Amino acid sequence: MKKFLFYIFRYFIGIVFIIAAIPKIEDPAAFAKSIEGYQFLPTFLINITALLIPWIELLVGISIIIGFFLRGTSLLAIILFSSFSILIGISLLRGLSIDCGCFGNLGSPLTYSRLIEDLILLLFSTYVYHIARKSV
């Protein structure tokens, strides 16, 4: 059962990252606007972040699916989902009514359910990391 969950979580996380990355890569300006809406980063970091994050998501997604450097990529997934969860949580507490930007310009509002989804993905990533760590 552990191995079954390991593979299900791996593929699920990978697919989520790939699906999230593609629209952001196609339209980095729209993703930059979403990042700006969080009112978290200084202005000079918004564009570079909008260019880098989607490519990191894409590489992590592909790497987790194919099992390339699995401990490292699952650790990076943990870091990403932790960061996203913290940022979403802070933004919700601040009462920001913005687009999540999670899947590019698909118009997903920032909600507590989005936070819960990210926390679940964080748990899945942590599970993958621990199983991958024990496998080596």
C-alpha atoms as a PDB file:
ATOM      1  CA  MET A   1       0.000   0.000   0.000  1.00  0.00           C
ATOM      2  CA  LYS A   2       2.886   2.386   0.767  1.00  0.00           C
ATOM      3  CA  LYS A   3       4.341   1.969  -2.712  1.00  0.00           C
ATOM      4  CA  PHE A   4       0.912   2.388  -4.308  1.00  0.00           C
ATOM      5  CA  LEU A   5       0.332   5.697  -2.478  1.00  0.00           C
ATOM      6  CA  PHE A   6       3.904   6.710  -3.247  1.00  0.00           C
ATOM      7  CA  TYR A   7       3.296   6.384  -6.993  1.00  0.00           C
ATOM      8  CA  ILE A   8      -0.191   7.914  -6.902  1.00  0.00           C
ATOM      9  CA  PHE A   9       1.068  10.935  -4.938  1.00  0.00           C
ATOM     10  CA  ARG A  10       4.149  11.273  -7.159  1.00  0.00           C
ATOM     11  CA  TYR A  11       2.145  11.332 -10.372  1.00  0.00           C
ATOM     12  CA  PHE A  12      -0.544  13.566  -8.898  1.00  0.00           C
ATOM     13  CA  ILE A  13       1.998  16.140  -7.672  1.00  0.00           C
ATOM     14  CA  GLY A  14       3.844  16.023 -10.981  1.00  0.00           C
ATOM     15  CA  ILE A  15       0.686  16.544 -13.008  1.00  0.00           C
ATOM     16  CA  VAL A  16      -0.424  19.432 -10.777  1.00  0.00           C
ATOM     17  CA  PHE A  17       2.934  21.176 -11.211  1.00  0.00           C
ATOM     18  CA  ILE A  18       2.919  20.684 -14.983  1.00  0.00           C
ATOM     19  CA  ILE A  19      -0.681  21.879 -15.374  1.00  0.00           C
ATOM     20  CA  ALA A  20       0.082  24.889 -13.155  1.00  0.00           C
ATOM     21  CA  ALA A  21       3.279  25.768 -15.019  1.00  0.00           C
ATOM     22  CA  ILE A  22       2.126  25.742 -18.632  1.00  0.00           C
ATOM     23  CA  PRO A  23      -0.286  28.732 -18.615  1.00  0.00           C
ATOM     24  CA  LYS A  24       2.221  30.752 -16.563  1.00  0.00           C
ATOM     25  CA  ILE A  25       4.984  30.003 -19.072  1.00  0.00           C
ATOM     26  CA  GLU A  26       2.660  30.973 -21.925  1.00  0.00           C
ATOM     27  CA  ASP A  27       1.664  34.284 -20.294  1.00  0.00           C
ATOM     28  CA  PRO A  28       4.268  35.476 -17.781  1.00  0.00           C
ATOM     29  CA  ALA A  29       2.806  39.008 -17.789  1.00  0.00           C
ATOM     30  CA  ALA A  30      -0.525  37.728 -16.442  1.00  0.00           C
ATOM     31  CA  PHE A  31       1.300  35.674 -13.822  1.00  0.00           C
ATOM     32  CA  ALA A  32       3.314  38.768 -12.846  1.00  0.00           C
ATOM     33  CA  LYS A  33       0.020  40.621 -12.271  1.00  0.00           C
ATOM     34  CA  SER A  34      -1.142  37.793 -10.004  1.00  0.00           C
ATOM     35  CA  ILE A  35       2.114  37.950  -8.049  1.00  0.00           C
ATOM     36  CA  GLU A  36       1.770  41.724  -7.746  1.00  0.00           C
ATOM     37  CA  GLY A  37      -1.730  41.281  -6.299  1.00  0.00           C
ATOM     38  CA  TYR A  38      -0.293  39.505  -3.260  1.00  0.00           C
ATOM     39  CA  GLN A  39       1.516  42.746  -2.306  1.00  0.00           C
ATOM     40  CA  PHE A  40       4.345  40.652  -0.897  1.00  0.00           C
ATOM     41  CA  LEU A  41       7.381  40.992  -3.170  1.00  0.00           C
ATOM     42  CA  PRO A  42       9.202  44.218  -3.953  1.00  0.00           C
ATOM     43  CA  THR A  43       8.379  45.452  -7.451  1.00  0.00           C
ATOM     44  CA  PHE A  44      11.833  44.682  -8.847  1.00  0.00           C
ATOM     45  CA  LEU A  45      11.424  40.960  -8.035  1.00  0.00           C
ATOM     46  CA  ILE A  46       7.969  40.432  -9.545  1.00  0.00           C
ATOM     47  CA  ASN A  47       8.960  39.890 -13.193  1.00  0.00           C
ATOM     48  CA  ILE A  48      11.913  37.603 -12.475  1.00  0.00           C
ATOM     49  CA  THR A  49       9.734  35.582 -10.106  1.00  0.00           C
ATOM     50  CA  ALA A  50       7.028  35.323 -12.789  1.00  0.00           C
ATOM     51  CA  LEU A  51       9.635  33.987 -15.195  1.00  0.00           C
ATOM     52  CA  LEU A  52      11.376  31.547 -12.828  1.00  0.00           C
ATOM     53  CA  ILE A  53       8.595  29.942 -10.761  1.00  0.00           C
ATOM     54  CA  PRO A  54       6.741  28.324 -13.706  1.00  0.00           C
ATOM     55  CA  TRP A  55       9.930  26.753 -15.073  1.00  0.00           C
ATOM     56  CA  ILE A  56      10.804  25.446 -11.617  1.00  0.00           C
ATOM     57  CA  GLU A  57       7.280  24.019 -11.332  1.00  0.00           C
ATOM     58  CA  LEU A  58       7.581  22.377 -14.742  1.00  0.00           C
ATOM     59  CA  LEU A  59      10.979  20.841 -13.973  1.00  0.00           C
ATOM     60  CA  VAL A  60       9.855  19.627 -10.547  1.00  0.00           C
ATOM     61  CA  GLY A  61       6.686  18.139 -12.060  1.00  0.00           C
ATOM     62  CA  ILE A  62       8.531  16.263 -14.792  1.00  0.00           C
ATOM     63  CA  SER A  63      11.299  15.140 -12.423  1.00  0.00           C
ATOM     64  CA  ILE A  64       8.865  13.789  -9.831  1.00  0.00           C
ATOM     65  CA  ILE A  65       6.941  11.856 -12.480  1.00  0.00           C
ATOM     66  CA  ILE A  66      10.025  10.260 -14.038  1.00  0.00           C
ATOM     67  CA  GLY A  67      11.695   9.764 -10.656  1.00  0.00           C
ATOM     68  CA  PHE A  68      14.749  11.885 -11.436  1.00  0.00           C
ATOM     69  CA  PHE A  69      16.602  12.922  -8.260  1.00  0.00           C
ATOM     70  CA  LEU A  70      13.414  12.141  -6.366  1.00  0.00           C
ATOM     71  CA  ARG A  71      14.561  13.133  -2.889  1.00  0.00           C
ATOM     72  CA  GLY A  72      15.711  16.529  -4.110  1.00  0.00           C
ATOM     73  CA  THR A  73      12.704  17.256  -6.280  1.00  0.00           C
ATOM     74  CA  SER A  74      10.230  16.128  -3.622  1.00  0.00           C
ATOM     75  CA  LEU A  75      12.066  18.355  -1.126  1.00  0.00           C
ATOM     76  CA  LEU A  76      11.743  21.226  -3.592  1.00  0.00           C
ATOM     77  CA  ALA A  77       8.018  20.436  -3.893  1.00  0.00           C
ATOM     78  CA  ILE A  78       7.774  20.635  -0.092  1.00  0.00           C
ATOM     79  CA  ILE A  79       9.482  24.030  -0.142  1.00  0.00           C
ATOM     80  CA  LEU A  80       7.218  25.308  -2.935  1.00  0.00           C
ATOM     81  CA  PHE A  81       3.960  24.104  -1.369  1.00  0.00           C
ATOM     82  CA  SER A  82       5.060  25.426   2.045  1.00  0.00           C
ATOM     83  CA  SER A  83       5.816  28.820   0.520  1.00  0.00           C
ATOM     84  CA  PHE A  84       2.556  28.877  -1.439  1.00  0.00           C
ATOM     85  CA  SER A  85       0.566  27.870   1.660  1.00  0.00           C
ATOM     86  CA  ILE A  86       2.177  30.534   3.833  1.00  0.00           C
ATOM     87  CA  LEU A  87       1.649  33.209   1.178  1.00  0.00           C
ATOM     88  CA  ILE A  88      -1.987  32.214   0.625  1.00  0.00           C
ATOM     89  CA  GLY A  89      -2.644  32.061   4.383  1.00  0.00           C
ATOM     90  CA  ILE A  90      -1.127  35.495   4.996  1.00  0.00           C
ATOM     91  CA  SER A  91      -3.039  36.964   2.053  1.00  0.00           C
ATOM     92  CA  LEU A  92      -6.333  35.516   3.293  1.00  0.00           C
ATOM     93  CA  LEU A  93      -5.700  36.884   6.788  1.00  0.00           C
ATOM     94  CA  ARG A  94      -4.980  40.283   5.240  1.00  0.00           C
ATOM     95  CA  GLY A  95      -8.353  40.098   3.485  1.00  0.00           C
ATOM     96  CA  LEU A  96      -6.967  40.349  -0.036  1.00  0.00           C
ATOM     97  CA  SER A  97      -9.551  39.598  -2.702  1.00  0.00           C
ATOM     98  CA  ILE A  98      -7.291  38.507  -5.546  1.00  0.00           C
ATOM     99  CA  ASP A  99      -6.829  35.831  -8.162  1.00  0.00           C
ATOM    100  CA  CYS A 100      -4.730  32.966  -6.864  1.00  0.00           C
ATOM    101  CA  GLY A 101      -2.509  32.813  -9.941  1.00  0.00           C
ATOM    102  CA  CYS A 102      -2.029  29.131  -9.109  1.00  0.00           C
ATOM    103  CA  PHE A 103      -2.916  27.915 -12.597  1.00  0.00           C
ATOM    104  CA  GLY A 104      -2.053  30.983 -14.611  1.00  0.00           C
ATOM    105  CA  ASN A 105      -4.887  33.080 -15.923  1.00  0.00           C
ATOM    106  CA  LEU A 106      -7.630  30.507 -15.320  1.00  0.00           C
ATOM    107  CA  GLY A 107      -9.283  32.893 -12.864  1.00  0.00           C
ATOM    108  CA  SER A 108      -9.107  30.953  -9.622  1.00  0.00           C
ATOM    109  CA  PRO A 109      -9.991  33.165  -6.633  1.00  0.00           C
ATOM    110  CA  LEU A 110      -7.920  33.039  -3.475  1.00  0.00           C
ATOM    111  CA  THR A 111      -9.960  31.049  -0.946  1.00  0.00           C
ATOM    112  CA  TYR A 112      -9.486  28.900   2.133  1.00  0.00           C
ATOM    113  CA  SER A 113     -10.217  25.844  -0.010  1.00  0.00           C
ATOM    114  CA  ARG A 114      -7.186  26.770  -2.141  1.00  0.00           C
ATOM    115  CA  LEU A 115      -5.119  26.890   1.053  1.00  0.00           C
ATOM    116  CA  ILE A 116      -6.400  23.443   2.062  1.00  0.00           C
ATOM    117  CA  GLU A 117      -5.561  22.090  -1.410  1.00  0.00           C
ATOM    118  CA  ASP A 118      -1.993  23.373  -1.098  1.00  0.00           C
ATOM    119  CA  LEU A 119      -1.664  21.898   2.388  1.00  0.00           C
ATOM    120  CA  ILE A 120      -2.836  18.518   1.076  1.00  0.00           C
ATOM    121  CA  LEU A 121      -0.285  18.728  -1.737  1.00  0.00           C
ATOM    122  CA  LEU A 122       2.318  19.593   0.895  1.00  0.00           C
ATOM    123  CA  LEU A 123       1.398  16.416   2.797  1.00  0.00           C
ATOM    124  CA  PHE A 124       1.600  14.346  -0.399  1.00  0.00           C
ATOM    125  CA  SER A 125       5.030  15.829  -1.156  1.00  0.00           C
ATOM    126  CA  THR A 126       6.221  15.081   2.365  1.00  0.00           C
ATOM    127  CA  TYR A 127       5.053  11.478   2.012  1.00  0.00           C
ATOM    128  CA  VAL A 128       6.902  11.107  -1.310  1.00  0.00           C
ATOM    129  CA  TYR A 129      10.039  12.611   0.221  1.00  0.00           C
ATOM    130  CA  HIS A 130      10.023  10.240   3.194  1.00  0.00           C
ATOM    131  CA  ILE A 131       9.404   7.131   1.088  1.00  0.00           C
ATOM    132  CA  ALA A 132      12.077   8.211  -1.428  1.00  0.00           C
ATOM    133  CA  ARG A 133      14.494   8.817   1.439  1.00  0.00           C
ATOM    134  CA  LYS A 134      13.925   5.315   2.829  1.00  0.00           C
ATOM    135  CA  SER A 135      14.351   3.728  -0.612  1.00  0.00           C
ATOM    136  CA  VAL A 136      17.961   4.845  -0.958  1.00  0.00           C
END
